[in-house]
Amino acid sequence: MNFKLLLLILLYFFPFTLSAQMIIGLKDQSYVNSLRKQATVRIAIFNKNLDEVSVGAGLYLGKKGMLLTNYHVLRDFLLNPEYKIQIKNSDGSLVKNLSVINCDKENQQDLCLLITKPNKNFFPILKTKVGTGHLLSLIGHCGKENFNIKKGKVLEYYKKDSNKFKLAQDELNYMTELIQTSARQCPGDSGGPFFSSQGELLGIASIVFKRNNSKKQYNIGITNNEILSFIKKKRNPKTVEKNRIIKGSKSEAKLLKFLD
């Protein structure tokens, strides 16, 4: 084939091919992000006046409807019988039945396991140790943005006996393996999943702290290893009373409260 003709053909088709690949890649990433959001929930806690007092995230684990979040996300609900809970899926549907399987306040881990109707959307937990540099996506509800995705990577892996770990742990994460990430966390992200680029669960967001009045923020999560061991622990399911689960909008719940 004539070289000039070949060159013209390549120049003509190459831009189209490149743009097509980019479009396909964007569609693939958009689809993956959609699946990740479908595996994530928004958890809101309301006081007896039905004022929203806290928001966090959670995620589905496995085929049986298990939901994992932080203990501190549910703490006010668990300690106050008059408080109510609302768990919303990314499509807007609400969880209507709920049981608390295990909350690990006693062992000082910021983890809580719930169970509800099975959800077909979930991602496997990474079975190997998380390493520094591991790319990740955090899904949470920072500010007014629900189910938002933030990119980052693992910066540090805190072993249970490390000095850095001792600075990061608090009363809810005593002797728990932790990771520090570059994905900036804020209120509403607690309990949000860290997904790897391959779609595996690396851990969940837990705490944020600053050292010695520094402006630098440390974003801390609980590792996949801790999650794997936690879900294997002995369970004592307790059904949540239906009148403590908000199954409609906040305004509908307030109307029902008024009618009562």
Protein backbone atom coordinates (compact mmCIF):
# COMPACT_ATOMS: atom_id res chain seq x y z
CA MET A 1 0.00 0.00 0.00
CA ASN A 2 1.20 3.52 -0.79
CA PHE A 3 2.78 5.02 2.36
CA LYS A 4 1.03 8.38 1.95
CA LEU A 5 -2.32 6.67 1.54
CA LEU A 6 -1.70 4.58 4.66
CA LEU A 7 -0.74 7.69 6.61
CA LEU A 8 -3.90 9.49 5.52
CA ILE A 9 -6.01 6.52 6.60
CA LEU A 10 -4.33 6.42 10.03
CA LEU A 11 -4.74 10.16 10.52
CA TYR A 12 -8.38 9.94 9.50
CA PHE A 13 -9.33 7.02 11.75
CA PHE A 14 -7.03 7.50 14.76
CA PRO A 15 -8.88 10.46 16.33
CA PHE A 16 -12.20 8.64 16.02
CA THR A 17 -10.75 5.48 17.52
CA LEU A 18 -9.22 7.39 20.40
CA SER A 19 -12.40 9.31 21.18
CA ALA A 20 -14.46 6.12 20.94
CA GLN A 21 -12.17 4.42 23.45
CA MET A 22 -12.49 7.38 25.80
CA ILE A 23 -16.28 7.31 25.54
CA ILE A 24 -16.38 3.55 26.17
CA GLY A 25 -14.02 4.00 29.12
CA LEU A 26 -16.20 6.74 30.57
CA LYS A 27 -19.30 4.59 30.17
CA ASP A 28 -17.57 1.67 31.86
CA GLN A 29 -16.46 3.87 34.78
CA SER A 30 -19.91 5.40 35.08
CA TYR A 31 -21.46 1.92 35.19
CA VAL A 32 -19.00 0.74 37.85
CA ASN A 33 -19.67 3.84 39.96
CA SER A 34 -23.40 3.21 39.62
CA LEU A 35 -22.96 -0.33 40.95
CA ARG A 36 -20.85 0.93 43.84
CA LYS A 37 -23.52 3.44 44.78
CA GLN A 38 -26.17 0.70 44.65
CA ALA A 39 -24.14 -1.24 47.23
CA THR A 40 -24.07 1.80 49.54
CA VAL A 41 -26.77 3.25 51.80
CA ARG A 42 -27.45 6.55 53.55
CA ILE A 43 -28.16 6.20 57.27
CA ALA A 44 -29.90 9.06 59.08
CA ILE A 45 -30.74 9.21 62.79
CA PHE A 46 -33.63 11.35 64.08
CA ASN A 47 -34.41 12.48 67.61
CA LYS A 48 -37.85 12.25 69.24
CA ASN A 49 -38.88 15.50 67.50
CA LEU A 50 -37.85 13.95 64.18
CA ASP A 51 -34.96 16.35 63.74
CA GLU A 52 -32.08 14.77 61.84
CA VAL A 53 -29.20 14.57 64.32
CA SER A 54 -26.62 12.58 62.37
CA VAL A 55 -25.90 11.09 58.95
CA GLY A 56 -23.54 8.33 57.89
CA ALA A 57 -23.06 5.66 55.27
CA GLY A 58 -23.10 1.89 55.18
CA LEU A 59 -22.78 -0.88 52.64
CA TYR A 60 -24.27 -4.24 51.80
CA LEU A 61 -22.15 -7.33 52.43
CA GLY A 62 -23.00 -10.64 50.77
CA LYS A 63 -26.29 -12.07 49.56
CA LYS A 64 -28.12 -12.21 52.89
CA GLY A 65 -28.78 -8.51 53.36
CA MET A 66 -26.02 -7.74 55.87
CA LEU A 67 -25.28 -4.03 56.28
CA LEU A 68 -22.02 -2.75 57.73
CA THR A 69 -21.45 0.71 59.20
CA ASN A 70 -19.67 2.44 62.09
CA TYR A 71 -20.84 2.03 65.66
CA HIS A 72 -20.68 5.80 66.14
CA VAL A 73 -23.11 6.30 63.22
CA LEU A 74 -25.74 4.30 65.15
CA ARG A 75 -24.70 5.25 68.69
CA ASP A 76 -27.43 7.84 69.34
CA PHE A 77 -30.07 5.49 67.94
CA LEU A 78 -28.88 2.55 70.04
CA LEU A 79 -28.65 4.55 73.27
CA ASN A 80 -31.94 6.47 72.93
CA PRO A 81 -35.12 4.35 72.61
CA GLU A 82 -37.09 7.37 71.33
CA TYR A 83 -34.75 7.93 68.40
CA LYS A 84 -35.58 6.68 64.91
CA ILE A 85 -33.56 5.51 61.93
CA GLN A 86 -33.92 5.90 58.18
CA ILE A 87 -31.83 3.84 55.76
CA LYS A 88 -32.03 4.92 52.14
CA ASN A 89 -30.74 3.13 49.04
CA SER A 90 -29.23 5.02 46.11
CA ASP A 91 -32.47 4.60 44.11
CA GLY A 92 -34.43 6.37 46.86
CA SER A 93 -36.09 3.24 48.27
CA LEU A 94 -36.10 2.82 52.04
CA VAL A 95 -35.26 -0.13 54.27
CA LYS A 96 -38.45 -1.25 56.06
CA ASN A 97 -37.24 -4.12 58.24
CA LEU A 98 -34.05 -4.19 60.26
CA SER A 99 -32.20 -6.19 62.89
CA VAL A 100 -29.02 -5.33 64.76
CA ILE A 101 -26.69 -8.34 64.59
CA ASN A 102 -23.55 -7.13 66.30
CA CYS A 103 -22.21 -3.79 67.49
CA ASP A 104 -18.70 -3.90 68.87
CA LYS A 105 -18.65 -1.18 71.49
CA GLU A 106 -17.48 -3.72 74.08
CA ASN A 107 -14.41 -4.70 72.04
CA GLN A 108 -13.79 -1.06 71.14
CA GLN A 109 -14.14 -1.37 67.39
CA ASP A 110 -16.10 1.26 65.51
CA LEU A 111 -18.15 -1.34 63.65
CA CYS A 112 -21.80 -2.35 63.59
CA LEU A 113 -23.49 -5.10 61.59
CA LEU A 114 -27.17 -5.03 60.63
CA ILE A 115 -29.36 -7.27 58.53
CA THR A 116 -32.29 -6.40 56.28
CA LYS A 117 -33.87 -7.55 53.03
CA PRO A 118 -31.19 -9.04 50.72
CA ASN A 119 -29.70 -6.68 48.17
CA LYS A 120 -28.29 -8.00 44.90
CA ASN A 121 -25.66 -5.28 44.79
CA PHE A 122 -22.52 -5.91 46.84
CA PHE A 123 -18.78 -6.18 46.34
CA PRO A 124 -16.37 -8.81 47.71
CA ILE A 125 -14.03 -7.99 50.58
CA LEU A 126 -10.34 -7.93 49.65
CA LYS A 127 -8.75 -11.07 51.11
CA THR A 128 -5.16 -9.79 51.13
CA LYS A 129 -3.47 -7.06 53.17
CA VAL A 130 -4.06 -3.51 52.02
CA GLY A 131 -0.84 -1.86 50.87
CA THR A 132 0.27 1.76 50.71
CA GLY A 133 -0.39 3.30 47.32
CA HIS A 134 -3.54 1.22 46.83
CA LEU A 135 -5.97 3.31 44.75
CA LEU A 136 -9.48 3.65 46.15
CA SER A 137 -12.86 5.32 45.86
CA LEU A 138 -14.80 6.48 48.93
CA ILE A 139 -18.59 6.75 48.75
CA GLY A 140 -20.33 8.87 51.36
CA HIS A 141 -22.71 11.74 52.02
CA CYS A 142 -20.46 14.71 52.67
CA GLY A 143 -22.45 17.89 53.31
CA LYS A 144 -25.55 17.99 51.13
CA GLU A 145 -24.10 15.66 48.51
CA ASN A 146 -25.51 12.16 48.87
CA PHE A 147 -23.73 9.13 47.39
CA ASN A 148 -20.79 11.24 46.24
CA ILE A 149 -17.53 9.56 45.19
CA LYS A 150 -14.06 10.74 46.16
CA LYS A 151 -10.85 9.30 44.77
CA GLY A 152 -7.69 8.71 46.76
CA LYS A 153 -5.10 6.17 47.80
CA VAL A 154 -3.80 4.44 50.92
CA LEU A 155 -1.07 6.58 52.52
CA GLU A 156 -0.32 4.59 55.67
CA TYR A 157 -1.12 1.21 57.15
CA TYR A 158 -1.29 1.36 60.95
CA LYS A 159 -0.33 -1.85 62.69
CA LYS A 160 -1.82 -2.43 66.11
CA ASP A 161 1.49 -1.89 67.90
CA SER A 162 2.83 1.08 65.92
CA ASN A 163 3.40 4.55 67.37
CA LYS A 164 1.43 6.09 64.52
CA PHE A 165 -1.44 3.78 65.34
CA LYS A 166 -1.47 4.96 68.96
CA LEU A 167 -1.95 8.52 67.75
CA ALA A 168 -4.80 7.55 65.43
CA GLN A 169 -6.81 5.24 67.69
CA ASP A 170 -9.58 6.54 69.90
CA GLU A 171 -12.01 4.97 72.35
CA LEU A 172 -13.88 3.35 69.47
CA ASN A 173 -10.88 1.88 67.68
CA TYR A 174 -8.69 0.45 70.40
CA MET A 175 -6.32 -2.21 69.02
CA THR A 176 -7.86 -2.10 65.56
CA GLU A 177 -5.92 -2.16 62.28
CA LEU A 178 -6.37 1.15 60.50
CA ILE A 179 -5.43 2.83 57.24
CA GLN A 180 -4.82 6.49 56.47
CA THR A 181 -6.04 7.62 53.05
CA SER A 182 -5.85 10.73 50.89
CA ALA A 183 -9.64 10.69 50.31
CA ARG A 184 -10.76 13.63 52.44
CA GLN A 185 -13.53 12.63 54.84
CA CYS A 186 -16.17 14.89 56.34
CA PRO A 187 -19.39 14.42 58.35
CA GLY A 188 -21.68 12.06 56.46
CA ASP A 189 -18.83 9.88 55.16
CA SER A 190 -18.50 7.73 58.29
CA GLY A 191 -19.19 4.09 57.47
CA GLY A 192 -18.64 4.76 53.77
CA PRO A 193 -16.87 2.02 51.81
CA PHE A 194 -13.39 2.24 50.33
CA PHE A 195 -13.54 0.34 47.04
CA SER A 196 -10.42 -0.67 45.13
CA SER A 197 -10.10 0.01 41.41
CA GLN A 198 -10.98 -3.68 40.92
CA GLY A 199 -14.18 -3.28 42.94
CA GLU A 200 -13.08 -5.01 46.15
CA LEU A 201 -13.79 -3.60 49.60
CA LEU A 202 -10.58 -2.26 51.20
CA GLY A 203 -12.20 -0.93 54.37
CA ILE A 204 -14.65 1.68 55.66
CA ALA A 205 -14.21 5.30 56.73
CA SER A 206 -14.14 5.77 60.50
CA ILE A 207 -12.52 8.86 62.03
CA VAL A 208 -10.77 12.13 61.22
CA PHE A 209 -8.21 13.83 63.42
CA LYS A 210 -5.65 16.63 63.41
CA ARG A 211 -2.37 16.53 65.30
CA ASN A 212 -1.09 19.34 67.57
CA ASN A 213 -3.46 21.98 66.19
CA SER A 214 -2.12 21.34 62.70
CA LYS A 215 -4.29 22.11 59.67
CA LYS A 216 -3.39 18.75 58.19
CA GLN A 217 -6.29 16.32 58.36
CA TYR A 218 -5.76 12.60 58.84
CA ASN A 219 -8.48 10.49 57.22
CA ILE A 220 -8.67 7.12 58.94
CA GLY A 221 -10.48 3.92 57.96
CA ILE A 222 -10.86 0.39 59.33
CA THR A 223 -9.13 -2.29 57.26
CA ASN A 224 -10.61 -5.20 55.36
CA ASN A 225 -8.88 -7.63 57.75
CA GLU A 226 -10.78 -6.18 60.71
CA ILE A 227 -14.05 -6.38 58.78
CA LEU A 228 -13.46 -10.02 57.82
CA SER A 229 -12.82 -11.02 61.43
CA PHE A 230 -15.71 -8.90 62.73
CA ILE A 231 -18.39 -10.47 60.55
CA LYS A 232 -17.33 -13.93 61.74
CA LYS A 233 -17.95 -13.12 65.40
CA LYS A 234 -20.81 -14.54 67.44
CA ARG A 235 -24.06 -12.77 66.66
CA ASN A 236 -27.03 -11.88 68.80
CA PRO A 237 -29.70 -10.47 66.42
CA LYS A 238 -32.17 -7.99 67.88
CA THR A 239 -35.09 -6.88 65.74
CA VAL A 240 -35.62 -3.13 65.55
CA GLU A 241 -39.20 -2.15 66.38
CA LYS A 242 -41.03 -1.09 63.24
CA ASN A 243 -42.14 2.20 64.78
CA ARG A 244 -38.47 3.17 65.09
CA ILE A 245 -37.84 2.77 61.36
CA ILE A 246 -38.80 5.71 59.14
CA LYS A 247 -40.27 4.14 56.02
CA GLY A 248 -41.29 7.34 54.25
CA SER A 249 -40.16 10.94 54.00
CA LYS A 250 -39.42 13.05 57.06
CA SER A 251 -42.64 15.05 56.53
CA GLU A 252 -44.68 11.84 56.36
CA ALA A 253 -43.06 10.63 59.57
CA LYS A 254 -43.89 13.92 61.31
CA LEU A 255 -47.51 13.65 60.16
CA LEU A 256 -47.78 10.12 61.55
CA LYS A 257 -46.27 11.31 64.82
CA PHE A 258 -48.86 14.12 64.98
CA LEU A 259 -51.73 11.67 64.31
CA ASP A 260 -50.48 9.39 67.09
